[in-house]
Amino acid sequence: MFENDTDVANGTYKIGSLDGIYYRDLVTKLGKPTVIGSGDDKVQYEWIMEFEGEIFTIYDWKTYDAEYTEYELDTWSIGGNANSAALLFAFKEYIYESKV
């Protein structure tokens, strides 16, 4: 996990999604989000991490409501790049393996 370093996520884009995962599941697995609130309010929470040498992000997209995101949202976007897309399946398995 990176702490407050959004620069490492520059150049990433949506490569997949997580379904059936809630905010509390992500906090249990990954800890607190790297970023809370984007300047344009399109993202409420984002985790930026390295997995097997590649950068991944997990974020809500255009929920515009932190309370909804924390308690009801169960579909999250996964960001990465062309290299991380090849690892997407393994990354998703990592996230799902300890789902509460």
Protein backbone atom coordinates (compact mmCIF):
# COMPACT_ATOMS: atom_id res chain seq x y z
CA MET A 1 0.00 0.00 0.00
CA PHE A 2 1.09 3.52 -0.69
CA GLU A 3 0.29 6.33 1.70
CA ASN A 4 -1.05 9.51 0.13
CA ASP A 5 0.95 9.05 -3.07
CA THR A 6 -1.33 9.41 -6.05
CA ASP A 7 1.58 9.97 -8.46
CA VAL A 8 2.28 6.23 -8.68
CA ALA A 9 -1.25 5.70 -10.03
CA ASN A 10 -0.84 8.17 -12.91
CA GLY A 11 -1.47 6.45 -16.22
CA THR A 12 -3.76 3.78 -14.79
CA TYR A 13 -7.25 3.14 -16.11
CA LYS A 14 -10.14 0.80 -15.39
CA ILE A 15 -9.19 -2.80 -16.18
CA GLY A 16 -11.82 -4.66 -14.17
CA SER A 17 -14.17 -4.65 -11.22
CA LEU A 18 -14.85 -6.34 -7.91
CA ASP A 19 -18.42 -7.49 -7.29
CA GLY A 20 -19.91 -8.41 -3.94
CA ILE A 21 -17.21 -6.56 -2.00
CA TYR A 22 -18.06 -3.84 0.50
CA TYR A 23 -15.99 -1.00 1.92
CA ARG A 24 -15.59 -2.89 5.22
CA ASP A 25 -14.19 -5.91 3.32
CA LEU A 26 -11.59 -3.73 1.63
CA VAL A 27 -10.59 -2.06 4.91
CA THR A 28 -10.23 -5.48 6.54
CA LYS A 29 -8.05 -6.76 3.69
CA LEU A 30 -6.11 -3.61 2.75
CA GLY A 31 -6.38 -1.17 5.63
CA LYS A 32 -7.58 2.41 5.33
CA PRO A 33 -7.84 3.92 1.84
CA THR A 34 -4.82 5.67 0.37
CA VAL A 35 -6.98 8.56 -0.83
CA ILE A 36 -10.17 9.89 0.73
CA GLY A 37 -12.09 12.14 -1.66
CA SER A 38 -10.99 13.36 -5.03
CA GLY A 39 -11.05 17.05 -5.78
CA ASP A 40 -13.91 16.59 -8.25
CA ASP A 41 -15.93 14.31 -5.90
CA LYS A 42 -15.99 11.48 -8.48
CA VAL A 43 -14.10 9.14 -6.14
CA GLN A 44 -14.82 8.88 -2.42
CA TYR A 45 -12.24 6.20 -1.51
CA GLU A 46 -9.25 4.78 -3.36
CA TRP A 47 -6.60 2.24 -2.48
CA ILE A 48 -3.33 2.39 -4.42
CA MET A 49 -1.09 -0.63 -4.07
CA GLU A 50 1.63 -2.69 -5.67
CA PHE A 51 0.91 -6.36 -6.34
CA GLU A 52 3.56 -8.59 -7.89
CA GLY A 53 5.45 -5.53 -9.10
CA GLU A 54 2.49 -3.79 -10.76
CA ILE A 55 0.34 -0.87 -9.61
CA PHE A 56 -3.35 -1.45 -8.95
CA THR A 57 -6.04 0.86 -7.67
CA ILE A 58 -9.44 0.05 -6.20
CA TYR A 59 -11.97 2.85 -6.19
CA ASP A 60 -15.61 3.78 -6.33
CA TRP A 61 -16.59 5.76 -9.41
CA LYS A 62 -19.13 8.56 -9.42
CA THR A 63 -21.13 7.52 -6.38
CA TYR A 64 -20.93 11.14 -5.17
CA ASP A 65 -21.90 9.97 -1.67
CA ALA A 66 -19.40 8.75 0.95
CA GLU A 67 -22.10 7.24 3.17
CA TYR A 68 -23.54 5.22 0.27
CA THR A 69 -20.04 4.12 -0.69
CA GLU A 70 -19.21 2.98 2.85
CA TYR A 71 -22.41 1.09 3.58
CA GLU A 72 -24.12 0.03 0.35
CA LEU A 73 -21.72 -0.03 -2.60
CA ASP A 74 -20.71 -3.58 -3.54
CA THR A 75 -19.09 -3.05 -6.96
CA TRP A 76 -15.68 -1.38 -7.12
CA SER A 77 -13.50 -0.45 -10.07
CA ILE A 78 -10.00 -1.86 -10.43
CA GLY A 79 -7.44 0.34 -12.13
CA GLY A 80 -4.14 -0.67 -13.62
CA ASN A 81 -2.26 -0.56 -16.90
CA ALA A 82 -1.44 -2.94 -19.73
CA ASN A 83 1.13 -4.82 -17.61
CA SER A 84 -1.14 -5.15 -14.58
CA ALA A 85 -4.06 -6.29 -16.74
CA ALA A 86 -2.19 -9.57 -17.25
CA LEU A 87 -2.19 -10.06 -13.46
CA LEU A 88 -5.83 -9.05 -12.97
CA PHE A 89 -7.08 -12.56 -12.21
CA ALA A 90 -4.41 -13.16 -9.55
CA PHE A 91 -5.06 -9.75 -8.01
CA LYS A 92 -8.80 -10.41 -7.80
CA GLU A 93 -8.14 -13.79 -6.17
CA TYR A 94 -5.95 -12.02 -3.60
CA ILE A 95 -8.74 -9.59 -2.75
CA TYR A 96 -11.49 -12.24 -2.62
CA GLU A 97 -9.50 -14.81 -0.64
CA SER A 98 -10.24 -13.29 2.77
CA LYS A 99 -13.57 -11.66 2.07
CA VAL A 100 -15.41 -11.32 5.33
